[in-house]
Amino acid sequence: MPNDCITYQDSGYFSKLIVDYLDQKPNLKSLYNRFPNLEHFKLQIEEKKANFPDENRQVLVSELEKQYAGFQISEASSNNIQRLKDANTFTITTGHQLNLFTGPLYFIYKIASTINLCKQLKNEFPEHNFVPIYWMATEDHDFEEINYFNFKGKKVKWNRESFGPVGRLSTEGLAEVFELFSAELGIGSNADYLRDLFTKSYLEHANLADATRFLANELFKKEGLVIIDGDSTELKKLFIPHVKKELLEQNSFKNVTETNEQLKDYFVQVNPREINLFYIEDNLRERIIFEDNKFKVNNTNTTFTETEILAEVENSPEKFSPNVILRPLYEEVILPNLCYIGGGGEIAYWLELKSNFEANNVTFPMLLIRNSVLLATTKQAEKADKLELSWSDLFSNQQDLFDKKTKEFSEFTIDFTEQKDHLKKQFKTLVAIADKTDKSFTGAVKAQETKQIKGLENLEKRLLKAEKRVHTDKLERILLLQNEMFPNQSLQERKANFSEFYLEVGSSFIEKVLKELQPLEQEFKVVVL
């Protein structure tokens, strides 16, 4: 089966903003630093090197060593952590929520894209080192977005209440989830591996941050992945000047609002608040607002004067959590980062932020759309061949696909374009005659033309419908195959969990994904397992 190229632009699954970004439209050029290609990375390296303090590297490495205490770490990951002390070492970063058992497939693709870009950059710039980073979104509080994963069409869900940062959430209660998942896995060595992985990740670690670190490390430890938790006192000390600036000047609101005005022809992904910080404790994550000359923690009785809140920032920086507008700035302050890899929604909000980076004198990273993948089994590829389907066919709207394939399967042409053109020529002659004789006759001629063209169109539709009945068997098989690969008419990578495919092919699943993904090629990759 031909592995036809399906660009992100042609896939129908990306917003107008992202399509225009990928096409490098001139109206968006001011919203990013450099478009991601190998040539531009040289300039990005030079800029970041000149603008990233060596002392931040020391704090970063010390904190990573602390975060990894008690974890079995691969030699590759350990070496990468130590390399971060070196001024010639840079990071490529992706971030993701702490979804239960990784959540949707694109978690895997994000990290694989990050790892593979590091390898590609090392080949291109051998004098530098490049470290793949997974930023765990431990301070998020949207538990309902992460407390489940889909397995073979069933939702495996963790039911419990959650308050405060999810990374600090106890893993208590996940034994019941494990029992339900284990029953669905069946028998075999791959099923046993997945049981063991779930058990060691969630039943042998006290909180969700540690469980997720273990899980991601286990899946990608051979590749030197480094996992970071931003919920850290030492790392947030580096961010204190920016937190104070946000509280006192509230420039991010002004800067991002102005940028969003430039994006008024697009869907705006996020809107800034006057203060883009949360105040967090173990069971609390609430917005900081400024009212009546005081800083208040929303939905609580906690208030601060300006002097008090600045002292709180100095003494307890870990209590100040950046929201979606400020978190990217925090990442780039603590990491020697060159490029952020994310999905279309993430890149859309990053495109709002460049002016705020400039106001804070922090280098804005390059922005790369993560790899997108469609996984197919060998059986599915064989079915597609028998049904004379290309991969791009399967990406089509279902009704459009049915119409196209019906016309291809039919023994005669279901297209009355030639007849309609012939009819239009005849009526053109009639209109010319009417114009020369009785002008009132022209309207009657045009009405008759419209009626007859409409009649041909209706006949064409009826013929197409009749042919669909003739080819019902093939069309139903196409429907079943497309629904298998695009569950609920959505991208597989947004619905399915990696465990479905690991169950079938084992560890070769991760190996195959890593082998196939090319992060700088902006097109869907079809991977046959």
Protein backbone atom coordinates (compact mmCIF):
# COMPACT_ATOMS: atom_id res chain seq x y z
CA MET A 1 0.00 0.00 0.00
CA PRO A 2 1.50 3.40 -0.92
CA ASN A 3 2.53 5.54 2.06
CA ASP A 4 1.11 8.71 0.53
CA CYS A 5 2.06 12.04 2.07
CA ILE A 6 -0.66 13.69 4.17
CA THR A 7 0.47 17.16 5.20
CA TYR A 8 -0.91 18.72 8.36
CA GLN A 9 -2.37 21.46 6.18
CA ASP A 10 -4.31 18.95 4.04
CA SER A 11 -5.39 16.68 6.88
CA GLY A 12 -8.37 18.77 7.96
CA TYR A 13 -7.43 18.39 11.64
CA PHE A 14 -5.57 21.66 12.24
CA SER A 15 -6.89 25.17 12.84
CA LYS A 16 -6.48 28.02 10.36
CA LEU A 17 -3.90 29.61 12.69
CA ILE A 18 -1.70 26.51 12.70
CA VAL A 19 -2.08 26.00 8.93
CA ASP A 20 -1.01 29.61 8.36
CA TYR A 21 1.90 29.17 10.79
CA LEU A 22 3.07 26.05 8.94
CA ASP A 23 2.77 27.98 5.66
CA GLN A 24 4.82 30.79 7.26
CA LYS A 25 2.27 33.45 6.32
CA PRO A 26 3.76 36.98 6.57
CA ASN A 27 1.07 38.22 8.99
CA LEU A 28 2.33 35.80 11.68
CA LYS A 29 6.09 36.33 11.34
CA SER A 30 6.26 38.81 14.24
CA LEU A 31 4.73 36.21 16.59
CA TYR A 32 7.61 33.73 16.59
CA ASN A 33 11.36 33.92 16.82
CA ARG A 34 12.51 31.48 14.12
CA PHE A 35 10.65 28.84 12.15
CA PRO A 36 11.94 25.35 13.05
CA ASN A 37 14.45 24.14 10.48
CA LEU A 38 18.04 22.95 10.90
CA GLU A 39 19.56 26.16 9.56
CA HIS A 40 17.71 28.29 12.11
CA PHE A 41 18.83 26.15 15.06
CA LYS A 42 22.37 27.48 14.71
CA LEU A 43 21.14 31.03 15.36
CA GLN A 44 18.85 29.87 18.18
CA ILE A 45 21.80 28.15 19.89
CA GLU A 46 23.86 31.34 19.71
CA GLU A 47 21.07 33.49 21.10
CA LYS A 48 20.17 31.15 23.96
CA LYS A 49 23.80 30.63 24.92
CA ALA A 50 24.31 34.38 25.22
CA ASN A 51 21.13 34.80 27.24
CA PHE A 52 21.15 31.91 29.72
CA PRO A 53 23.07 32.28 33.02
CA ASP A 54 25.51 29.51 33.99
CA GLU A 55 24.31 29.69 37.60
CA ASN A 56 20.84 28.60 36.46
CA ARG A 57 22.44 25.42 35.09
CA GLN A 58 23.87 24.55 38.49
CA VAL A 59 20.50 25.02 40.19
CA LEU A 60 18.78 22.97 37.47
CA VAL A 61 21.15 20.01 37.77
CA SER A 62 21.05 20.05 41.57
CA GLU A 63 17.24 20.05 41.53
CA LEU A 64 17.05 17.24 38.95
CA GLU A 65 19.38 15.10 41.06
CA LYS A 66 17.08 15.69 44.02
CA GLN A 67 13.94 14.88 42.00
CA TYR A 68 15.44 11.63 40.71
CA ALA A 69 16.55 10.43 44.19
CA GLY A 70 15.04 7.01 44.79
CA PHE A 71 14.45 6.31 41.10
CA GLN A 72 16.44 3.86 39.01
CA ILE A 73 17.84 6.04 36.27
CA SER A 74 19.49 4.89 33.06
CA GLU A 75 23.06 5.81 32.26
CA ALA A 76 21.82 7.81 29.26
CA SER A 77 19.47 9.95 31.40
CA SER A 78 22.06 10.35 34.16
CA ASN A 79 24.67 11.53 31.67
CA ASN A 80 22.22 13.98 30.15
CA ILE A 81 21.48 15.51 33.56
CA GLN A 82 25.20 16.07 34.17
CA ARG A 83 25.68 17.49 30.67
CA LEU A 84 23.26 20.28 31.55
CA LYS A 85 26.07 21.89 33.58
CA ASP A 86 27.93 22.47 30.30
CA ALA A 87 27.34 25.75 28.46
CA ASN A 88 27.31 23.79 25.18
CA THR A 89 24.32 21.69 26.23
CA PHE A 90 20.78 22.69 25.34
CA THR A 91 17.34 21.21 25.77
CA ILE A 92 14.40 20.38 23.53
CA THR A 93 11.24 20.38 25.61
CA THR A 94 7.74 19.02 25.49
CA GLY A 95 5.16 19.24 28.25
CA HIS A 96 2.09 17.25 29.11
CA GLN A 97 -0.49 16.69 31.79
CA LEU A 98 -0.18 13.78 34.22
CA ASN A 99 -2.77 11.67 32.39
CA LEU A 100 -3.51 8.30 33.90
CA PHE A 101 -1.27 5.66 32.25
CA THR A 102 -0.13 8.36 29.74
CA GLY A 103 -3.68 9.09 28.49
CA PRO A 104 -4.02 9.47 24.70
CA LEU A 105 -1.41 8.17 22.25
CA TYR A 106 -0.04 11.60 21.40
CA PHE A 107 1.78 11.65 24.77
CA ILE A 108 4.06 9.00 23.28
CA TYR A 109 4.47 10.95 20.03
CA LYS A 110 5.34 14.18 21.84
CA ILE A 111 8.20 12.55 23.69
CA ALA A 112 9.36 10.56 20.65
CA SER A 113 9.43 13.80 18.60
CA THR A 114 11.52 15.46 21.30
CA ILE A 115 13.99 12.56 21.51
CA ASN A 116 14.38 12.31 17.74
CA LEU A 117 14.92 16.04 17.27
CA CYS A 118 17.75 15.87 19.83
CA LYS A 119 19.35 13.06 17.81
CA GLN A 120 18.97 15.02 14.58
CA LEU A 121 20.50 18.15 16.10
CA LYS A 122 23.44 16.17 17.52
CA ASN A 123 24.20 14.90 14.00
CA GLU A 124 24.00 18.42 12.62
CA PHE A 125 25.88 20.18 15.48
CA PRO A 126 28.19 17.53 17.00
CA GLU A 127 30.04 20.11 19.13
CA HIS A 128 26.85 20.61 21.19
CA ASN A 129 24.74 18.31 23.34
CA PHE A 130 20.94 18.18 23.20
CA VAL A 131 18.82 16.81 26.02
CA PRO A 132 15.16 15.74 25.59
CA ILE A 133 12.99 17.13 28.39
CA TYR A 134 9.51 16.09 29.48
CA TRP A 135 7.98 18.87 31.58
CA MET A 136 5.35 17.33 33.86
CA ALA A 137 2.37 19.64 34.34
CA THR A 138 2.27 18.85 38.07
CA GLU A 139 0.67 22.14 39.09
CA ASP A 140 -2.43 21.79 36.93
CA HIS A 141 -5.70 21.29 38.79
CA ASP A 142 -7.97 19.99 36.01
CA PHE A 143 -8.27 16.47 37.39
CA GLU A 144 -11.26 15.60 35.18
CA GLU A 145 -9.03 15.97 32.11
CA ILE A 146 -6.48 13.42 33.30
CA ASN A 147 -8.26 10.84 35.47
CA TYR A 148 -8.94 8.27 32.73
CA PHE A 149 -7.69 6.58 29.60
CA ASN A 150 -9.46 4.66 26.84
CA PHE A 151 -8.70 0.99 26.30
CA LYS A 152 -10.38 -0.83 23.42
CA GLY A 153 -13.26 1.60 23.40
CA LYS A 154 -13.82 1.45 27.18
CA LYS A 155 -13.01 4.25 29.61
CA VAL A 156 -10.74 3.22 32.50
CA LYS A 157 -11.44 5.93 35.09
CA TRP A 158 -10.08 6.93 38.50
CA ASN A 159 -13.00 8.27 40.54
CA ARG A 160 -12.05 10.51 43.43
CA GLU A 161 -12.13 14.13 44.51
CA SER A 162 -9.15 16.36 43.79
CA PHE A 163 -8.13 19.79 45.04
CA GLY A 164 -4.90 21.64 44.48
CA PRO A 165 -1.98 20.69 42.21
CA VAL A 166 -2.49 17.23 40.69
CA GLY A 167 1.17 16.26 41.04
CA ARG A 168 0.79 16.21 44.82
CA LEU A 169 -2.31 14.03 44.62
CA SER A 170 -2.13 10.73 46.52
CA THR A 171 -2.35 7.58 44.38
CA GLU A 172 -4.63 6.01 46.99
CA GLY A 173 -7.58 4.28 45.35
CA LEU A 174 -5.79 3.24 42.17
CA ALA A 175 -5.76 -0.43 43.20
CA GLU A 176 -9.42 -0.63 42.14
CA VAL A 177 -8.61 0.93 38.78
CA PHE A 178 -5.82 -1.61 38.34
CA GLU A 179 -8.19 -4.52 38.95
CA LEU A 180 -10.57 -3.27 36.25
CA PHE A 181 -7.73 -2.67 33.76
CA SER A 182 -6.06 -6.00 34.55
CA ALA A 183 -9.27 -7.88 33.80
CA GLU A 184 -9.44 -6.26 30.35
CA LEU A 185 -5.83 -7.11 29.45
CA GLY A 186 -6.22 -10.86 29.17
CA ILE A 187 -3.26 -13.23 29.16
CA GLY A 188 0.24 -13.21 27.67
CA SER A 189 3.65 -11.69 28.33
CA ASN A 190 2.71 -8.25 26.96
CA ALA A 191 -0.37 -8.16 29.20
CA ASP A 192 1.80 -9.14 32.17
CA TYR A 193 4.27 -6.36 31.35
CA LEU A 194 1.47 -3.76 31.26
CA ARG A 195 0.12 -5.02 34.59
CA ASP A 196 3.59 -4.79 36.12
CA LEU A 197 4.13 -1.30 34.66
CA PHE A 198 0.82 -0.01 36.05
CA THR A 199 1.48 -1.60 39.44
CA LYS A 200 5.01 -0.24 39.82
CA SER A 201 4.00 3.20 38.57
CA TYR A 202 0.81 3.82 40.54
CA LEU A 203 0.65 1.31 43.39
CA GLU A 204 4.28 1.70 44.46
CA HIS A 205 4.51 5.51 44.36
CA ALA A 206 2.79 7.85 46.79
CA ASN A 207 1.76 10.70 44.49
CA LEU A 208 0.84 11.28 40.87
CA ALA A 209 4.05 13.19 40.03
CA ASP A 210 6.29 10.31 41.16
CA ALA A 211 4.06 7.74 39.46
CA THR A 212 4.21 9.63 36.16
CA ARG A 213 7.98 10.11 36.41
CA PHE A 214 8.44 6.37 36.92
CA LEU A 215 6.14 5.55 34.01
CA ALA A 216 7.72 7.94 31.48
CA ASN A 217 11.20 6.95 32.62
CA GLU A 218 10.40 3.27 32.21
CA LEU A 219 9.10 3.76 28.66
CA PHE A 220 11.92 6.01 27.44
CA LYS A 221 14.90 5.49 29.77
CA LYS A 222 17.09 4.04 27.00
CA GLU A 223 16.74 7.32 25.10
CA GLY A 224 18.15 9.60 27.80
CA LEU A 225 14.85 11.35 28.54
CA VAL A 226 15.03 13.80 31.45
CA ILE A 227 11.79 14.48 33.34
CA ILE A 228 11.32 17.71 35.29
CA ASP A 229 8.78 18.82 37.88
CA GLY A 230 8.36 22.61 38.01
CA ASP A 231 6.68 22.38 41.44
CA SER A 232 10.00 23.13 43.13
CA THR A 233 11.17 25.75 45.62
CA GLU A 234 14.69 25.95 44.20
CA LEU A 235 13.56 26.29 40.60
CA LYS A 236 10.98 28.90 41.53
CA LYS A 237 13.63 30.97 43.27
CA LEU A 238 15.02 31.58 39.77
CA PHE A 239 11.61 32.88 38.73
CA ILE A 240 11.14 35.32 41.66
CA PRO A 241 11.97 38.50 39.66
CA HIS A 242 9.35 37.61 37.05
CA VAL A 243 6.71 36.79 39.70
CA LYS A 244 7.28 40.17 41.35
CA LYS A 245 7.07 41.92 37.99
CA GLU A 246 3.79 40.16 37.25
CA LEU A 247 2.31 41.18 40.58
CA LEU A 248 3.43 44.80 40.44
CA GLU A 249 3.32 45.69 36.75
CA GLN A 250 0.90 43.16 35.23
CA ASN A 251 2.62 43.58 31.88
CA SER A 252 1.72 40.12 30.60
CA PHE A 253 -1.94 41.13 30.49
CA LYS A 254 -1.11 44.17 28.37
CA ASN A 255 1.39 42.38 26.10
CA VAL A 256 -0.73 39.30 25.38
CA THR A 257 -3.91 41.33 24.93
CA GLU A 258 -2.17 43.41 22.27
CA THR A 259 -0.95 40.26 20.51
CA ASN A 260 -4.43 38.76 20.61
CA GLU A 261 -5.69 41.83 18.80
CA GLN A 262 -3.32 40.85 15.97
CA LEU A 263 -4.91 37.40 16.03
CA LYS A 264 -8.50 38.68 15.85
CA ASP A 265 -9.05 36.85 12.52
CA TYR A 266 -8.27 33.54 14.22
CA PHE A 267 -9.66 31.59 17.16
CA VAL A 268 -7.72 32.84 20.20
CA GLN A 269 -6.60 29.88 22.30
CA VAL A 270 -6.26 31.61 25.70
CA ASN A 271 -6.90 35.05 27.13
CA PRO A 272 -4.69 36.59 29.82
CA ARG A 273 -5.84 37.67 33.26
CA GLU A 274 -4.70 40.83 35.01
CA ILE A 275 -2.48 38.61 37.20
CA ASN A 276 -1.48 35.27 35.66
CA LEU A 277 -0.51 33.50 38.86
CA PHE A 278 -2.13 30.99 41.18
CA TYR A 279 -1.51 30.63 44.89
CA ILE A 280 -1.01 26.96 45.74
CA GLU A 281 -0.87 24.72 48.77
CA ASP A 282 -1.50 20.97 49.05
CA ASN A 283 -5.28 21.26 48.67
CA LEU A 284 -5.51 24.69 47.12
CA ARG A 285 -4.86 26.27 43.74
CA GLU A 286 -6.65 29.57 43.37
CA ARG A 287 -6.07 32.71 41.30
CA ILE A 288 -4.38 35.77 42.78
CA ILE A 289 -6.47 38.88 42.15
CA PHE A 290 -5.95 42.55 42.98
CA GLU A 291 -8.93 44.30 44.53
CA ASP A 292 -9.35 47.28 46.87
CA ASN A 293 -5.61 47.89 46.97
CA LYS A 294 -4.96 44.35 48.22
CA PHE A 295 -3.84 41.07 46.71
CA LYS A 296 -6.39 38.36 47.39
CA VAL A 297 -6.42 34.61 46.92
CA ASN A 298 -9.69 33.96 45.11
CA ASN A 299 -12.40 32.00 46.98
CA THR A 300 -10.50 32.29 50.29
CA ASN A 301 -10.10 34.86 53.06
CA THR A 302 -6.35 35.18 52.40
CA THR A 303 -5.19 38.72 51.57
CA PHE A 304 -1.83 40.47 51.29
CA THR A 305 -0.63 44.03 51.15
CA GLU A 306 1.99 44.74 48.50
CA THR A 307 4.78 44.48 51.08
CA GLU A 308 3.37 41.24 52.46
CA ILE A 309 2.97 39.52 49.12
CA LEU A 310 6.49 40.47 48.00
CA ALA A 311 7.81 39.01 51.24
CA GLU A 312 5.75 35.86 50.62
CA VAL A 313 7.31 35.53 47.16
CA GLU A 314 10.80 35.77 48.67
CA ASN A 315 10.12 33.40 51.56
CA SER A 316 7.81 30.88 49.85
CA PRO A 317 8.24 31.05 46.06
CA GLU A 318 6.84 27.50 45.75
CA LYS A 319 3.39 28.91 46.61
CA PHE A 320 3.24 30.95 43.40
CA SER A 321 2.23 28.95 40.36
CA PRO A 322 2.24 30.41 36.83
CA ASN A 323 -0.85 29.86 34.73
CA VAL A 324 -0.88 28.95 31.02
CA ILE A 325 0.28 32.48 30.07
CA LEU A 326 3.30 32.55 32.40
CA ARG A 327 4.27 28.86 32.59
CA PRO A 328 6.12 28.98 29.22
CA LEU A 329 8.17 31.90 30.55
CA TYR A 330 8.98 29.91 33.69
CA GLU A 331 10.11 26.94 31.58
CA GLU A 332 12.43 29.08 29.49
CA VAL A 333 13.92 30.83 32.55
CA ILE A 334 15.01 27.56 34.15
CA LEU A 335 15.91 25.53 31.04
CA PRO A 336 18.60 26.19 28.39
CA ASN A 337 15.88 25.46 25.87
CA LEU A 338 15.92 25.91 22.09
CA CYS A 339 12.56 24.57 20.99
CA TYR A 340 9.18 23.70 22.45
CA ILE A 341 7.33 20.78 20.85
CA GLY A 342 3.56 20.68 21.25
CA GLY A 343 0.23 19.98 19.62
CA GLY A 344 -1.71 22.50 17.57
CA GLY A 345 -3.56 23.90 20.59
CA GLU A 346 -0.33 24.43 22.53
CA ILE A 347 1.51 26.10 19.67
CA ALA A 348 -1.55 28.35 19.18
CA TYR A 349 -1.19 29.81 22.68
CA TRP A 350 2.60 30.00 22.48
CA LEU A 351 2.11 32.25 19.44
CA GLU A 352 0.44 34.76 21.78
CA LEU A 353 3.46 35.07 24.06
CA LYS A 354 6.51 36.41 22.21
CA SER A 355 6.01 40.06 23.18
CA ASN A 356 5.81 39.06 26.85
CA PHE A 357 9.10 37.16 26.56
CA GLU A 358 10.69 40.25 25.04
CA ALA A 359 9.38 42.40 27.92
CA ASN A 360 11.05 39.95 30.35
CA ASN A 361 14.33 39.72 28.37
CA VAL A 362 13.98 35.95 27.93
CA THR A 363 14.78 34.23 24.62
CA PHE A 364 11.64 32.99 22.88
CA PRO A 365 12.06 29.34 21.78
CA MET A 366 11.36 27.90 18.38
CA LEU A 367 7.92 26.29 18.14
CA LEU A 368 7.48 22.88 16.52
CA ILE A 369 4.25 20.96 15.92
CA ARG A 370 4.70 17.46 17.36
CA ASN A 371 4.59 14.45 15.09
CA SER A 372 1.12 13.09 14.40
CA VAL A 373 0.72 9.40 13.70
CA LEU A 374 -1.89 6.98 12.45
CA LEU A 375 -1.19 3.44 13.62
CA ALA A 376 -2.35 0.55 11.47
CA THR A 377 -2.05 -3.18 11.97
CA THR A 378 -0.85 -5.35 9.12
CA LYS A 379 -4.42 -6.70 8.80
CA GLN A 380 -5.82 -3.18 8.47
CA ALA A 381 -3.27 -2.34 5.78
CA GLU A 382 -4.24 -5.51 3.90
CA LYS A 383 -7.95 -4.62 4.17
CA ALA A 384 -7.24 -1.14 2.82
CA ASP A 385 -5.39 -2.68 -0.14
CA LYS A 386 -8.29 -4.99 -0.97
CA LEU A 387 -10.71 -2.07 -0.82
CA GLU A 388 -8.43 0.01 -3.07
CA LEU A 389 -8.01 2.66 -0.36
CA SER A 390 -5.04 4.98 0.04
CA TRP A 391 -4.14 6.37 3.47
CA SER A 392 -5.29 9.81 2.38
CA ASP A 393 -8.68 8.25 1.48
CA LEU A 394 -9.05 7.16 5.09
CA PHE A 395 -8.42 10.74 6.29
CA SER A 396 -11.37 11.95 4.18
CA ASN A 397 -14.77 12.98 5.44
CA GLN A 398 -16.83 9.78 5.54
CA GLN A 399 -19.58 10.98 3.19
CA ASP A 400 -17.03 12.35 0.72
CA LEU A 401 -15.16 9.04 0.87
CA PHE A 402 -18.36 7.05 0.18
CA ASP A 403 -19.18 9.24 -2.84
CA LYS A 404 -15.65 8.97 -4.21
CA LYS A 405 -15.37 5.20 -3.82
CA THR A 406 -18.90 4.58 -5.21
CA LYS A 407 -17.93 6.44 -8.38
CA GLU A 408 -14.69 4.42 -8.60
CA PHE A 409 -16.48 1.09 -8.06
CA SER A 410 -19.23 1.87 -10.60
CA GLU A 411 -19.04 0.40 -14.11
CA PHE A 412 -20.14 3.71 -15.61
CA THR A 413 -19.44 7.38 -14.97
CA ILE A 414 -21.59 9.01 -12.28
CA ASP A 415 -20.86 12.54 -13.33
CA PHE A 416 -23.25 14.62 -15.41
CA THR A 417 -20.86 17.56 -15.78
CA GLU A 418 -20.61 16.99 -19.54
CA GLN A 419 -24.40 16.90 -19.92
CA LYS A 420 -24.82 20.01 -17.77
CA ASP A 421 -22.20 21.89 -19.80
CA HIS A 422 -23.95 20.87 -23.02
CA LEU A 423 -27.28 22.07 -21.61
CA LYS A 424 -25.76 25.39 -20.56
CA LYS A 425 -24.44 25.96 -24.10
CA GLN A 426 -27.89 25.31 -25.56
CA PHE A 427 -29.53 27.75 -23.15
CA LYS A 428 -26.85 30.33 -23.85
CA THR A 429 -28.01 30.27 -27.48
CA LEU A 430 -31.65 30.51 -26.38
CA VAL A 431 -30.90 33.50 -24.12
CA ALA A 432 -29.19 35.26 -27.01
CA ILE A 433 -32.31 34.71 -29.19
CA ALA A 434 -34.59 35.93 -26.38
CA ASP A 435 -32.53 39.10 -25.95
CA LYS A 436 -33.03 39.90 -29.66
CA THR A 437 -36.76 39.27 -29.68
CA ASP A 438 -38.78 39.68 -26.50
CA LYS A 439 -36.86 40.73 -23.37
CA SER A 440 -39.63 39.33 -21.13
CA PHE A 441 -38.91 35.90 -22.65
CA THR A 442 -35.34 35.96 -21.19
CA GLY A 443 -36.57 35.32 -17.63
CA ALA A 444 -38.56 32.29 -18.74
CA VAL A 445 -35.54 30.84 -20.56
CA LYS A 446 -33.27 31.28 -17.53
CA ALA A 447 -35.88 29.75 -15.22
CA GLN A 448 -36.12 26.73 -17.54
CA GLU A 449 -32.33 26.41 -17.57
CA THR A 450 -32.21 26.40 -13.76
CA LYS A 451 -34.98 23.79 -13.66
CA GLN A 452 -33.28 21.45 -16.10
CA ILE A 453 -29.83 21.78 -14.48
CA LYS A 454 -31.48 21.00 -11.15
CA GLY A 455 -33.19 18.01 -12.75
CA LEU A 456 -29.84 16.63 -13.96
CA GLU A 457 -28.31 17.17 -10.52
CA ASN A 458 -31.16 15.26 -8.90
CA LEU A 459 -30.77 12.41 -11.39
CA GLU A 460 -27.04 12.32 -10.64
CA LYS A 461 -27.76 12.09 -6.90
CA ARG A 462 -30.34 9.32 -7.43
CA LEU A 463 -27.92 7.39 -9.62
CA LEU A 464 -25.17 7.75 -6.98
CA LYS A 465 -27.59 6.54 -4.29
CA ALA A 466 -28.60 3.54 -6.42
CA GLU A 467 -24.95 2.64 -7.00
CA LYS A 468 -24.25 2.84 -3.27
CA ARG A 469 -26.91 0.15 -2.79
CA VAL A 470 -25.18 -2.00 -5.42
CA HIS A 471 -21.83 -1.65 -3.63
CA THR A 472 -23.18 -1.83 -0.06
CA ASP A 473 -20.86 -4.65 0.99
CA LYS A 474 -17.65 -2.84 0.02
CA LEU A 475 -18.85 0.48 1.45
CA GLU A 476 -19.75 -1.13 4.78
CA ARG A 477 -16.28 -2.65 4.99
CA ILE A 478 -14.80 0.80 4.28
CA LEU A 479 -16.98 2.24 7.04
CA LEU A 480 -15.83 -0.40 9.54
CA LEU A 481 -12.17 0.12 8.67
CA GLN A 482 -12.34 3.90 8.89
CA ASN A 483 -14.19 3.73 12.21
CA GLU A 484 -11.53 1.37 13.57
CA MET A 485 -8.75 3.79 12.66
CA PHE A 486 -10.62 7.03 13.36
CA PRO A 487 -12.75 6.29 16.45
CA ASN A 488 -15.83 8.55 16.62
CA GLN A 489 -14.60 10.26 13.43
CA SER A 490 -11.69 11.66 15.42
CA LEU A 491 -7.94 11.17 15.31
CA GLN A 492 -6.85 7.85 16.79
CA GLU A 493 -4.01 9.60 18.66
CA ARG A 494 -6.54 11.69 20.63
CA LYS A 495 -8.61 8.70 21.74
CA ALA A 496 -6.64 5.46 22.10
CA ASN A 497 -4.03 4.59 24.74
CA PHE A 498 -0.62 3.10 23.93
CA SER A 499 -1.45 -0.07 25.91
CA GLU A 500 -3.82 -1.32 23.17
CA PHE A 501 -0.95 -1.47 20.70
CA TYR A 502 1.70 -2.57 23.21
CA LEU A 503 -0.57 -5.51 24.02
CA GLU A 504 -0.36 -6.60 20.38
CA VAL A 505 3.30 -6.01 19.51
CA GLY A 506 5.18 -5.51 22.80
CA SER A 507 8.28 -3.35 23.19
CA SER A 508 8.67 -3.07 19.43
CA PHE A 509 5.82 -0.52 19.59
CA ILE A 510 8.02 2.19 21.16
CA GLU A 511 10.97 1.16 18.99
CA LYS A 512 8.87 1.40 15.82
CA VAL A 513 7.52 4.84 16.73
CA LEU A 514 11.02 6.15 17.48
CA LYS A 515 12.33 4.70 14.23
CA GLU A 516 9.60 6.23 12.05
CA LEU A 517 9.11 9.75 13.40
CA GLN A 518 10.86 12.66 11.69
CA PRO A 519 10.06 15.77 13.77
CA LEU A 520 10.95 18.39 11.16
CA GLU A 521 8.73 16.79 8.49
CA GLN A 522 5.35 18.41 9.01
CA GLU A 523 3.12 15.59 7.86
CA PHE A 524 1.11 12.72 9.25
CA LYS A 525 3.06 9.51 9.56
CA VAL A 526 1.27 6.22 8.97
CA VAL A 527 3.02 3.48 10.96
CA VAL A 528 2.14 -0.12 10.18
CA LEU A 529 2.83 -2.32 13.21
